[in-house]
Amino acid sequence: MVTLRAQAPGTAIFYTLDGSQPNAASYRYTAPFALPTGGTVRALAVITEGGEHSAVVSREFDVAPKDWRVLSPTGNTPDNLVKGGVFLGQVNTPVNIVIDLGQVYDLRGFTLKPISDRTLISTAAAEVGPPARFTAWVSADGQTWGEPASMGEFANIAVNRSAQAIRFDAPLSARYLRLLLPHATQDKPIIGIGGIGILTR
């Protein structure tokens, strides 16, 4: 579900889903709307008295995790990996994740959102860190994985807590995504994750 908000009161929001520039003749936002297969939302805020308007804001969304299932997590609350919220691995243990995406996609990569220190109590924040490295595999059947689709480090993830986008060298047709996260940054004992997504665009 996509929610649009404007900062100023007495403001109307207009949006498009086809990539075109929004204007006062576009869809008028009245309530959150579903975008299960992803797309680009472009929005414009207009003050109803006087007609002054904002710059156009654009946001791209990929496939929503509505039908995804986490099959093999190591840690607490594994569903948080796809539903949002905090996922914490076990102490001094790599995190191995397998996600059933519910159908076959042409996967171009994945996203990983680190958790924010604000979501943790101060004592936990000292023990929890985002993953430093990754190895990713994809599979059509959840049994045969082959060579890794990608492996490496998350760039500057210890400081930059925005979502990391990892792109594969080429699109890969698959239903299952597997991630191995061997350790947290800064030698912290627990890996913390704020969500996993996929890239199909």
Protein backbone atom coordinates (compact mmCIF):
# COMPACT_ATOMS: atom_id res chain seq x y z
CA MET A 1 0.00 0.00 0.00
CA VAL A 2 1.34 3.43 -0.98
CA THR A 3 0.64 6.43 1.23
CA LEU A 4 1.22 10.02 0.08
CA ARG A 5 1.52 12.93 2.51
CA ALA A 6 1.99 16.68 2.13
CA GLN A 7 3.50 18.84 4.87
CA ALA A 8 1.21 21.86 4.49
CA PRO A 9 -2.46 21.74 5.53
CA GLY A 10 -5.07 22.49 2.86
CA THR A 11 -3.04 20.69 0.22
CA ALA A 12 -4.28 18.40 -2.54
CA ILE A 13 -1.99 15.69 -3.93
CA PHE A 14 -2.15 14.54 -7.55
CA TYR A 15 -0.23 11.55 -8.87
CA THR A 16 0.47 9.38 -11.90
CA LEU A 17 1.52 5.73 -12.26
CA ASP A 18 2.50 5.73 -15.95
CA GLY A 19 5.67 7.83 -15.69
CA SER A 20 4.00 11.03 -16.92
CA GLN A 21 4.23 14.39 -15.15
CA PRO A 22 1.35 14.83 -12.67
CA ASN A 23 -0.91 17.89 -12.81
CA ALA A 24 -4.31 18.97 -11.47
CA ALA A 25 -6.00 16.68 -14.03
CA SER A 26 -4.16 13.56 -12.74
CA TYR A 27 -5.44 11.12 -10.11
CA ARG A 28 -6.26 12.96 -6.89
CA TYR A 29 -4.97 11.16 -3.81
CA THR A 30 -7.69 10.34 -1.28
CA ALA A 31 -6.51 7.12 0.42
CA PRO A 32 -3.58 4.64 0.37
CA PHE A 33 -3.58 2.54 -2.80
CA ALA A 34 -2.20 -0.88 -3.67
CA LEU A 35 0.82 -1.29 -5.95
CA PRO A 36 1.55 -5.02 -5.60
CA THR A 37 3.62 -5.43 -8.77
CA GLY A 38 5.55 -2.20 -8.29
CA GLY A 39 5.84 0.85 -10.51
CA THR A 40 6.79 4.51 -10.48
CA VAL A 41 4.70 6.99 -8.51
CA ARG A 42 5.12 10.66 -9.41
CA ALA A 43 3.29 13.14 -7.18
CA LEU A 44 2.61 16.86 -6.95
CA ALA A 45 1.19 18.82 -3.99
CA VAL A 46 -1.09 21.79 -4.76
CA ILE A 47 -2.29 24.31 -2.18
CA THR A 48 -6.04 24.49 -2.76
CA GLU A 49 -6.18 28.25 -2.13
CA GLY A 50 -4.02 30.06 -4.64
CA GLY A 51 -2.86 27.01 -6.63
CA GLU A 52 0.79 27.15 -5.56
CA HIS A 53 2.39 23.76 -6.17
CA SER A 54 5.43 21.79 -5.12
CA ALA A 55 8.12 20.22 -7.24
CA VAL A 56 7.28 16.76 -8.59
CA VAL A 57 8.44 13.94 -6.35
CA SER A 58 9.14 10.52 -7.85
CA ARG A 59 9.51 7.17 -6.11
CA GLU A 60 10.02 3.76 -7.69
CA PHE A 61 8.59 0.66 -6.03
CA ASP A 62 9.40 -2.93 -6.87
CA VAL A 63 7.35 -6.08 -6.26
CA ALA A 64 5.61 -6.09 -2.87
CA PRO A 65 6.40 -9.06 -0.57
CA LYS A 66 2.71 -9.96 -0.19
CA ASP A 67 3.06 -13.67 -1.08
CA TRP A 68 6.66 -14.24 0.05
CA ARG A 69 7.64 -16.83 2.66
CA VAL A 70 10.85 -16.99 4.68
CA LEU A 71 11.89 -20.65 4.66
CA SER A 72 15.18 -20.96 6.53
CA PRO A 73 16.15 -18.10 8.80
CA THR A 74 18.57 -18.21 11.68
CA GLY A 75 17.37 -15.71 14.23
CA ASN A 76 14.23 -14.33 15.83
CA THR A 77 11.05 -13.07 14.10
CA PRO A 78 12.08 -14.23 10.60
CA ASP A 79 8.89 -12.87 9.00
CA ASN A 80 10.18 -9.36 9.77
CA LEU A 81 12.65 -9.88 6.93
CA VAL A 82 9.81 -9.43 4.42
CA LYS A 83 7.12 -7.70 6.50
CA GLY A 84 9.28 -4.95 7.98
CA GLY A 85 10.45 -4.58 11.54
CA VAL A 86 13.58 -5.78 13.26
CA PHE A 87 15.25 -9.12 12.54
CA LEU A 88 18.14 -10.16 14.79
CA GLY A 89 20.42 -13.10 14.11
CA GLN A 90 21.89 -15.37 16.75
CA VAL A 91 25.02 -14.35 18.66
CA ASN A 92 28.26 -14.96 16.72
CA THR A 93 26.37 -16.89 14.02
CA PRO A 94 26.09 -16.22 10.28
CA VAL A 95 22.60 -15.51 8.95
CA ASN A 96 21.42 -17.83 6.17
CA ILE A 97 18.12 -16.73 4.56
CA VAL A 98 16.00 -18.48 1.95
CA ILE A 99 12.93 -16.64 0.63
CA ASP A 100 10.22 -18.18 -1.53
CA LEU A 101 8.97 -15.31 -3.71
CA GLY A 102 5.77 -17.16 -4.61
CA GLN A 103 6.37 -17.07 -8.37
CA VAL A 104 9.20 -16.80 -10.91
CA TYR A 105 10.66 -13.35 -11.55
CA ASP A 106 13.49 -12.07 -13.70
CA LEU A 107 15.64 -11.06 -10.74
CA ARG A 108 18.05 -8.21 -11.35
CA GLY A 109 19.23 -8.10 -7.75
CA PHE A 110 18.06 -7.57 -4.18
CA THR A 111 17.83 -4.88 -1.54
CA LEU A 112 18.74 -5.05 2.13
CA LYS A 113 17.64 -2.43 4.62
CA PRO A 114 19.80 -2.10 7.74
CA ILE A 115 18.06 -1.52 11.04
CA SER A 116 18.31 1.90 12.61
CA ASP A 117 19.93 2.28 16.00
CA ARG A 118 16.79 4.21 16.98
CA THR A 119 14.80 0.97 16.85
CA LEU A 120 17.06 -0.66 19.45
CA ILE A 121 17.60 0.02 23.11
CA SER A 122 21.08 1.42 23.77
CA THR A 123 22.47 -1.80 25.21
CA ALA A 124 21.33 -3.78 22.16
CA ALA A 125 22.70 -1.17 19.74
CA ALA A 126 26.19 -1.85 21.07
CA GLU A 127 25.82 -5.56 20.23
CA VAL A 128 23.96 -5.33 16.89
CA GLY A 129 25.30 -4.27 13.51
CA PRO A 130 24.30 -4.54 9.86
CA PRO A 131 25.83 -7.34 7.80
CA ALA A 132 29.25 -6.52 6.36
CA ARG A 133 29.30 -8.97 3.46
CA PHE A 134 26.94 -11.17 1.46
CA THR A 135 26.76 -14.09 -0.92
CA ALA A 136 23.55 -14.40 -2.96
CA TRP A 137 22.14 -17.35 -4.90
CA VAL A 138 18.91 -17.78 -6.83
CA SER A 139 16.99 -20.93 -7.72
CA ALA A 140 13.96 -21.96 -9.73
CA ASP A 141 13.04 -24.88 -7.45
CA GLY A 142 14.61 -24.09 -4.07
CA GLN A 143 16.87 -27.15 -4.38
CA THR A 144 19.42 -26.39 -7.11
CA TRP A 145 21.41 -23.22 -6.49
CA GLY A 146 24.51 -23.38 -8.70
CA GLU A 147 27.14 -20.65 -8.56
CA PRO A 148 26.47 -17.45 -6.56
CA ALA A 149 24.60 -14.74 -8.44
CA SER A 150 26.62 -12.12 -6.58
CA MET A 151 28.97 -11.70 -3.63
CA GLY A 152 30.80 -8.83 -1.99
CA GLU A 153 30.57 -6.11 0.64
CA PHE A 154 27.74 -3.74 1.46
CA ALA A 155 29.18 -0.33 0.67
CA ASN A 156 29.66 1.86 3.74
CA ILE A 157 26.72 0.17 5.48
CA ALA A 158 28.13 0.81 8.98
CA VAL A 159 27.60 4.55 8.46
CA ASN A 160 24.97 4.79 5.72
CA ARG A 161 21.80 3.12 6.99
CA SER A 162 19.76 3.61 3.81
CA ALA A 163 18.66 0.52 1.86
CA GLN A 164 21.46 -1.19 -0.05
CA ALA A 165 20.70 -2.18 -3.67
CA ILE A 166 22.79 -5.05 -5.03
CA ARG A 167 22.44 -5.66 -8.78
CA PHE A 168 23.37 -8.91 -10.51
CA ASP A 169 25.48 -8.86 -13.67
CA ALA A 170 22.46 -10.04 -15.69
CA PRO A 171 18.77 -10.86 -14.98
CA LEU A 172 18.22 -14.37 -13.62
CA SER A 173 14.90 -16.21 -13.79
CA ALA A 174 14.16 -17.59 -10.31
CA ARG A 175 11.55 -18.07 -7.60
CA TYR A 176 13.89 -18.44 -4.62
CA LEU A 177 16.49 -16.05 -3.20
CA ARG A 178 19.15 -17.23 -0.78
CA LEU A 179 21.47 -14.92 1.16
CA LEU A 180 24.42 -15.83 3.36
CA LEU A 181 25.50 -13.00 5.67
CA PRO A 182 28.63 -14.18 7.50
CA HIS A 183 29.15 -11.44 10.10
CA ALA A 184 28.17 -7.95 11.23
CA THR A 185 30.19 -4.79 10.74
CA GLN A 186 32.67 -3.59 13.36
CA ASP A 187 32.96 -7.13 14.79
CA LYS A 188 29.59 -6.83 16.53
CA PRO A 189 28.26 -10.25 17.58
CA ILE A 190 24.67 -9.96 16.23
CA ILE A 191 23.54 -9.21 12.68
CA GLY A 192 20.51 -6.91 12.47
CA ILE A 193 18.35 -6.42 9.36
CA GLY A 194 15.40 -4.13 8.67
CA GLY A 195 14.08 -5.87 5.55
CA ILE A 196 14.86 -7.72 2.31
CA GLY A 197 13.49 -6.83 -1.14
CA ILE A 198 14.07 -7.78 -4.76
CA LEU A 199 14.93 -5.80 -7.89
CA THR A 200 13.02 -6.68 -11.07
CA ARG A 201 13.42 -3.36 -12.91
